[in-house]
C-alpha atoms as a PDB file:
ATOM      1  CA  MET A   1      15.249 -20.808 -15.027  1.00  0.00           C
ATOM      2  CA  ARG A   2      12.689 -18.747 -13.088  1.00  0.00           C
ATOM      3  CA  HIS A   3      10.169 -21.490 -12.381  1.00  0.00           C
ATOM      4  CA  ARG A   4       7.946 -20.716  -9.376  1.00  0.00           C
ATOM      5  CA  LYS A   5       9.690 -17.441  -8.637  1.00  0.00           C
ATOM      6  CA  ASN A   6       6.803 -15.037  -8.819  1.00  0.00           C
ATOM      7  CA  LYS A   7       7.197 -12.533  -6.012  1.00  0.00           C
ATOM      8  CA  LYS A   8       8.483  -9.014  -6.536  1.00  0.00           C
ATOM      9  CA  ILE A   9      11.767  -8.498  -4.734  1.00  0.00           C
ATOM     10  CA  LEU A  10      12.560  -4.929  -5.883  1.00  0.00           C
ATOM     11  CA  ASP A  11      16.289  -5.751  -5.656  1.00  0.00           C
ATOM     12  CA  ARG A  12      16.140  -5.766  -1.853  1.00  0.00           C
ATOM     13  CA  ASN A  13      16.428  -8.392   0.830  1.00  0.00           C
ATOM     14  CA  ARG A  14      13.447  -9.410   2.953  1.00  0.00           C
ATOM     15  CA  ASP A  15      13.931  -6.936   5.788  1.00  0.00           C
ATOM     16  CA  GLN A  16      14.434  -3.998   3.438  1.00  0.00           C
ATOM     17  CA  ARG A  17      11.319  -4.985   1.460  1.00  0.00           C
ATOM     18  CA  ARG A  18       9.256  -5.088   4.640  1.00  0.00           C
ATOM     19  CA  ALA A  19      10.528  -1.689   5.744  1.00  0.00           C
ATOM     20  CA  LEU A  20       9.855  -0.291   2.268  1.00  0.00           C
ATOM     21  CA  PHE A  21       6.286  -1.628   2.306  1.00  0.00           C
ATOM     22  CA  LYS A  22       5.634  -0.228   5.762  1.00  0.00           C
ATOM     23  CA  ASN A  23       6.899   3.238   4.803  1.00  0.00           C
ATOM     24  CA  LEU A  24       4.999   3.251   1.498  1.00  0.00           C
ATOM     25  CA  ALA A  25       1.804   2.136   3.207  1.00  0.00           C
ATOM     26  CA  LEU A  26       2.170   4.760   5.941  1.00  0.00           C
ATOM     27  CA  SER A  27       2.710   7.488   3.367  1.00  0.00           C
ATOM     28  CA  LEU A  28      -0.274   6.390   1.284  1.00  0.00           C
ATOM     29  CA  VAL A  29      -2.690   6.216   4.215  1.00  0.00           C
ATOM     30  CA  LYS A  30      -1.442   9.527   5.594  1.00  0.00           C
ATOM     31  CA  ALA A  31      -1.645  11.511   2.359  1.00  0.00           C
ATOM     32  CA  GLU A  32      -4.131   9.288   0.430  1.00  0.00           C
ATOM     33  CA  LYS A  33      -2.178   9.991  -2.773  1.00  0.00           C
ATOM     34  CA  MET A  34       1.534   9.754  -3.460  1.00  0.00           C
ATOM     35  CA  LYS A  35       4.027   9.693  -6.280  1.00  0.00           C
ATOM     36  CA  THR A  36       6.477   6.806  -6.502  1.00  0.00           C
ATOM     37  CA  THR A  37       8.029   4.551  -9.100  1.00  0.00           C
ATOM     38  CA  LEU A  38       5.695   2.325 -11.087  1.00  0.00           C
ATOM     39  CA  ALA A  39       7.338  -0.847  -9.769  1.00  0.00           C
ATOM     40  CA  LYS A  40       6.847   0.231  -6.141  1.00  0.00           C
ATOM     41  CA  ALA A  41       3.235   1.235  -6.805  1.00  0.00           C
ATOM     42  CA  LYS A  42       2.520  -2.168  -8.352  1.00  0.00           C
ATOM     43  CA  PHE A  43       4.244  -3.806  -5.358  1.00  0.00           C
ATOM     44  CA  LEU A  44       2.163  -1.795  -2.871  1.00  0.00           C
ATOM     45  CA  ARG A  45      -1.283  -2.119  -4.504  1.00  0.00           C
ATOM     46  CA  PRO A  46      -2.245  -5.725  -3.577  1.00  0.00           C
ATOM     47  CA  LYS A  47      -0.869  -5.372  -0.078  1.00  0.00           C
ATOM     48  CA  ILE A  48      -2.700  -2.126   0.726  1.00  0.00           C
ATOM     49  CA  GLU A  49      -5.952  -3.504  -0.698  1.00  0.00           C
ATOM     50  CA  LYS A  50      -5.731  -6.453   1.667  1.00  0.00           C
ATOM     51  CA  LEU A  51      -5.242  -4.002   4.534  1.00  0.00           C
ATOM     52  CA  VAL A  52      -8.328  -2.034   3.510  1.00  0.00           C
ATOM     53  CA  THR A  53     -10.318  -5.284   3.400  1.00  0.00           C
ATOM     54  CA  LEU A  54      -9.046  -6.093   6.874  1.00  0.00           C
ATOM     55  CA  ALA A  55      -9.937  -2.606   8.130  1.00  0.00           C
ATOM     56  CA  LYS A  56     -13.498  -2.971   6.788  1.00  0.00           C
ATOM     57  CA  LYS A  57     -14.140  -5.629   9.440  1.00  0.00           C
ATOM     58  CA  ASN A  58     -13.460  -3.002  12.131  1.00  0.00           C
ATOM     59  CA  ASN A  59     -13.093  -5.343  15.088  1.00  0.00           C
ATOM     60  CA  LEU A  60     -10.433  -5.733  17.772  1.00  0.00           C
ATOM     61  CA  THR A  61      -8.442  -8.291  15.793  1.00  0.00           C
ATOM     62  CA  ALA A  62      -8.318  -6.021  12.755  1.00  0.00           C
ATOM     63  CA  ARG A  63      -7.269  -3.059  14.890  1.00  0.00           C
ATOM     64  CA  ARG A  64      -4.422  -5.024  16.505  1.00  0.00           C
ATOM     65  CA  ARG A  65      -3.214  -6.431  13.194  1.00  0.00           C
ATOM     66  CA  LEU A  66      -3.157  -2.945  11.625  1.00  0.00           C
ATOM     67  CA  ILE A  67      -1.274  -1.528  14.609  1.00  0.00           C
ATOM     68  CA  ALA A  68       1.245  -4.389  14.326  1.00  0.00           C
ATOM     69  CA  ILE A  69       1.754  -3.757  10.613  1.00  0.00           C
ATOM     70  CA  PHE A  70       1.901   0.037  10.666  1.00  0.00           C
ATOM     71  CA  GLN A  71       3.480   0.307  14.141  1.00  0.00           C
ATOM     72  CA  ASN A  72       1.551   3.570  14.455  1.00  0.00           C
ATOM     73  CA  GLU A  73      -1.786   3.810  16.277  1.00  0.00           C
ATOM     74  CA  LYS A  74      -2.799   7.095  14.597  1.00  0.00           C
ATOM     75  CA  ILE A  75      -2.446   5.634  11.095  1.00  0.00           C
ATOM     76  CA  ALA A  76      -4.287   2.450  12.104  1.00  0.00           C
ATOM     77  CA  LYS A  77      -7.089   4.577  13.580  1.00  0.00           C
ATOM     78  CA  LYS A  78      -7.279   6.650  10.379  1.00  0.00           C
ATOM     79  CA  MET A  79      -7.447   3.474   8.316  1.00  0.00           C
ATOM     80  CA  LEU A  80     -10.294   2.099  10.461  1.00  0.00           C
ATOM     81  CA  GLU A  81     -12.319   5.299  10.902  1.00  0.00           C
ATOM     82  CA  GLU A  82     -11.777   7.273   7.669  1.00  0.00           C
ATOM     83  CA  VAL A  83     -10.497   5.083   4.833  1.00  0.00           C
ATOM     84  CA  ALA A  84     -12.301   1.788   5.346  1.00  0.00           C
ATOM     85  CA  PRO A  85     -15.882   3.161   5.823  1.00  0.00           C
ATOM     86  CA  ARG A  86     -15.690   4.703   2.340  1.00  0.00           C
ATOM     87  CA  TYR A  87     -15.416   1.251   0.800  1.00  0.00           C
ATOM     88  CA  LEU A  88     -18.017  -0.737   2.758  1.00  0.00           C
ATOM     89  CA  GLU A  89     -20.151  -1.232  -0.355  1.00  0.00           C
ATOM     90  CA  ARG A  90     -17.167  -1.913  -2.639  1.00  0.00           C
ATOM     91  CA  ASN A  91     -15.713  -5.369  -3.208  1.00  0.00           C
ATOM     92  CA  GLY A  92     -12.124  -4.543  -4.026  1.00  0.00           C
ATOM     93  CA  GLY A  93     -10.356  -2.084  -6.298  1.00  0.00           C
ATOM     94  CA  TYR A  94      -9.698   0.516  -3.614  1.00  0.00           C
ATOM     95  CA  THR A  95      -6.579   1.996  -5.222  1.00  0.00           C
ATOM     96  CA  ARG A  96      -5.747   3.482  -8.583  1.00  0.00           C
ATOM     97  CA  ILE A  97      -2.350   3.696 -10.305  1.00  0.00           C
ATOM     98  CA  VAL A  98      -1.893   6.570 -12.804  1.00  0.00           C
ATOM     99  CA  LYS A  99       1.316   6.715 -14.815  1.00  0.00           C
ATOM    100  CA  ALA A 100       3.161  10.025 -14.552  1.00  0.00           C
ATOM    101  CA  GLY A 101       5.936   9.809 -17.133  1.00  0.00           C
ATOM    102  CA  SER A 102       9.596   9.172 -16.399  1.00  0.00           C
ATOM    103  CA  ARG A 103      11.915  10.667 -13.823  1.00  0.00           C
ATOM    104  CA  VAL A 104      14.429  13.161 -15.197  1.00  0.00           C
ATOM    105  CA  ASN A 105      17.658  11.959 -13.629  1.00  0.00           C
ATOM    106  CA  ASP A 106      17.471   8.191 -14.184  1.00  0.00           C
ATOM    107  CA  GLY A 107      14.470   7.654 -16.454  1.00  0.00           C
ATOM    108  CA  ALA A 108      12.515   5.518 -13.982  1.00  0.00           C
ATOM    109  CA  GLU A 109       8.801   5.282 -14.742  1.00  0.00           C
ATOM    110  CA  MET A 110       6.856   7.265 -12.150  1.00  0.00           C
ATOM    111  CA  ALA A 111       3.247   6.797 -11.089  1.00  0.00           C
ATOM    112  CA  TYR A 112       0.686   8.153  -8.675  1.00  0.00           C
ATOM    113  CA  ILE A 113      -1.048   5.689  -6.405  1.00  0.00           C
ATOM    114  CA  GLU A 114      -4.196   6.900  -4.701  1.00  0.00           C
ATOM    115  CA  PHE A 115      -7.352   5.723  -3.057  1.00  0.00           C
ATOM    116  CA  VAL A 116     -10.350   5.723  -5.405  1.00  0.00           C
END
């Protein structure tokens, strides 16, 4: 039975999931649009939206938490100075997932995830 098992594990252990999230988030903030599998895009969306909400506060605590998560000061700075100010008047829904068909070699569903 799967009672109370509601987190996405993406067939990875905890450390690999954390590394995957960090790399996906870095790529998304850097390029502001990326193509990945649908499952990874759905995994990334709620986490990156929480980071944008954190970045909207734009205080020292938010800066330090973003640097700790991204482990990259340039990306944290971009998040605070470029991405977050766009959404000051918006209360959520900062990303969009657009399905892009299936991958040729293994048939995985692909999607674009981008900032709105």
